[in-house]
């Protein structure tokens, strides 16, 4: 069975917000003496995500038809 992947478009600021939120969750889990494996993996995936530059072209409603 093939694993389904999802992609998220975000800038550096948004990426840092996600990493900080995950780190806060990790800290909370550690203080509760709960496992942090899943959150650790997400932090690494987010921090090491491939970067791809692209241009967004906005079209008017008329042009989109």
C-alpha atoms as a PDB file:
ATOM      1  CA  UNK A   1       0.000   0.000   0.000  1.00  0.00           C
ATOM      2  CA  UNK A   2       1.346   3.393  -0.981  1.00  0.00           C
ATOM      3  CA  UNK A   3       1.557   6.125   1.657  1.00  0.00           C
ATOM      4  CA  UNK A   4      -0.385   9.276   0.805  1.00  0.00           C
ATOM      5  CA  UNK A   5       1.611  12.510   1.058  1.00  0.00           C
ATOM      6  CA  UNK A   6       0.400  16.052   1.596  1.00  0.00           C
ATOM      7  CA  UNK A   7       2.164  19.279   0.747  1.00  0.00           C
ATOM      8  CA  UNK A   8       1.803  22.635   2.482  1.00  0.00           C
ATOM      9  CA  UNK A   9       2.869  25.968   1.037  1.00  0.00           C
ATOM     10  CA  UNK A  10       4.261  28.312   3.688  1.00  0.00           C
ATOM     11  CA  UNK A  11       6.848  31.031   4.062  1.00  0.00           C
ATOM     12  CA  UNK A  12       9.704  31.017   6.590  1.00  0.00           C
ATOM     13  CA  UNK A  13       7.672  32.939   9.166  1.00  0.00           C
ATOM     14  CA  UNK A  14       4.830  30.413   9.039  1.00  0.00           C
ATOM     15  CA  UNK A  15       7.301  27.521   9.204  1.00  0.00           C
ATOM     16  CA  UNK A  16       8.828  29.000  12.358  1.00  0.00           C
ATOM     17  CA  UNK A  17       5.381  29.364  13.950  1.00  0.00           C
ATOM     18  CA  UNK A  18       4.676  25.676  13.317  1.00  0.00           C
ATOM     19  CA  UNK A  19       8.057  24.590  14.697  1.00  0.00           C
ATOM     20  CA  UNK A  20       7.576  26.740  17.821  1.00  0.00           C
ATOM     21  CA  UNK A  21       4.084  25.334  18.401  1.00  0.00           C
ATOM     22  CA  UNK A  22       5.363  21.771  18.031  1.00  0.00           C
ATOM     23  CA  UNK A  23       8.242  22.525  20.395  1.00  0.00           C
ATOM     24  CA  UNK A  24       5.803  23.855  23.011  1.00  0.00           C
ATOM     25  CA  UNK A  25       3.742  20.673  22.615  1.00  0.00           C
ATOM     26  CA  UNK A  26       6.903  18.594  23.030  1.00  0.00           C
ATOM     27  CA  UNK A  27       7.812  20.483  26.224  1.00  0.00           C
ATOM     28  CA  UNK A  28       4.312  19.928  27.609  1.00  0.00           C
ATOM     29  CA  UNK A  29       4.439  16.215  26.800  1.00  0.00           C
ATOM     30  CA  UNK A  30       7.841  15.886  28.475  1.00  0.00           C
ATOM     31  CA  UNK A  31       6.572  17.610  31.626  1.00  0.00           C
ATOM     32  CA  UNK A  32       3.683  15.106  31.679  1.00  0.00           C
ATOM     33  CA  UNK A  33       6.218  12.292  31.140  1.00  0.00           C
ATOM     34  CA  UNK A  34       4.501  11.230  27.926  1.00  0.00           C
ATOM     35  CA  UNK A  35       6.259  10.042  24.742  1.00  0.00           C
ATOM     36  CA  UNK A  36       7.352  12.735  22.293  1.00  0.00           C
ATOM     37  CA  UNK A  37       8.348  10.547  19.336  1.00  0.00           C
ATOM     38  CA  UNK A  38       5.589  11.679  16.963  1.00  0.00           C
ATOM     39  CA  UNK A  39       6.123  15.379  17.731  1.00  0.00           C
ATOM     40  CA  UNK A  40       9.911  14.987  17.410  1.00  0.00           C
ATOM     41  CA  UNK A  41       9.425  13.473  13.956  1.00  0.00           C
ATOM     42  CA  UNK A  42       7.129  16.312  12.866  1.00  0.00           C
ATOM     43  CA  UNK A  43       9.593  18.943  14.093  1.00  0.00           C
ATOM     44  CA  UNK A  44      12.357  17.330  12.030  1.00  0.00           C
ATOM     45  CA  UNK A  45      10.157  16.970   8.941  1.00  0.00           C
ATOM     46  CA  UNK A  46       9.072  20.602   9.157  1.00  0.00           C
ATOM     47  CA  UNK A  47      12.562  21.955   9.792  1.00  0.00           C
ATOM     48  CA  UNK A  48      14.149  19.861   7.029  1.00  0.00           C
ATOM     49  CA  UNK A  49      11.382  20.238   4.441  1.00  0.00           C
ATOM     50  CA  UNK A  50      12.524  20.694   0.856  1.00  0.00           C
ATOM     51  CA  UNK A  51      12.330  24.249  -0.349  1.00  0.00           C
ATOM     52  CA  UNK A  52      10.911  25.052  -3.742  1.00  0.00           C
ATOM     53  CA  UNK A  53      10.531  28.521  -5.221  1.00  0.00           C
ATOM     54  CA  UNK A  54       7.564  29.242  -7.401  1.00  0.00           C
ATOM     55  CA  UNK A  55       5.482  32.142  -8.544  1.00  0.00           C
ATOM     56  CA  UNK A  56       1.799  32.579  -7.818  1.00  0.00           C
ATOM     57  CA  UNK A  57      -0.142  34.169 -10.638  1.00  0.00           C
ATOM     58  CA  UNK A  58      -3.479  35.614  -9.678  1.00  0.00           C
ATOM     59  CA  UNK A  59      -6.134  35.744 -12.340  1.00  0.00           C
ATOM     60  CA  UNK A  60      -9.259  37.817 -12.466  1.00  0.00           C
ATOM     61  CA  UNK A  61     -12.572  35.966 -12.459  1.00  0.00           C
ATOM     62  CA  UNK A  62     -12.948  36.687 -16.175  1.00  0.00           C
ATOM     63  CA  UNK A  63      -9.531  35.236 -17.104  1.00  0.00           C
ATOM     64  CA  UNK A  64     -10.085  32.062 -15.070  1.00  0.00           C
ATOM     65  CA  UNK A  65     -13.011  31.021 -17.302  1.00  0.00           C
END
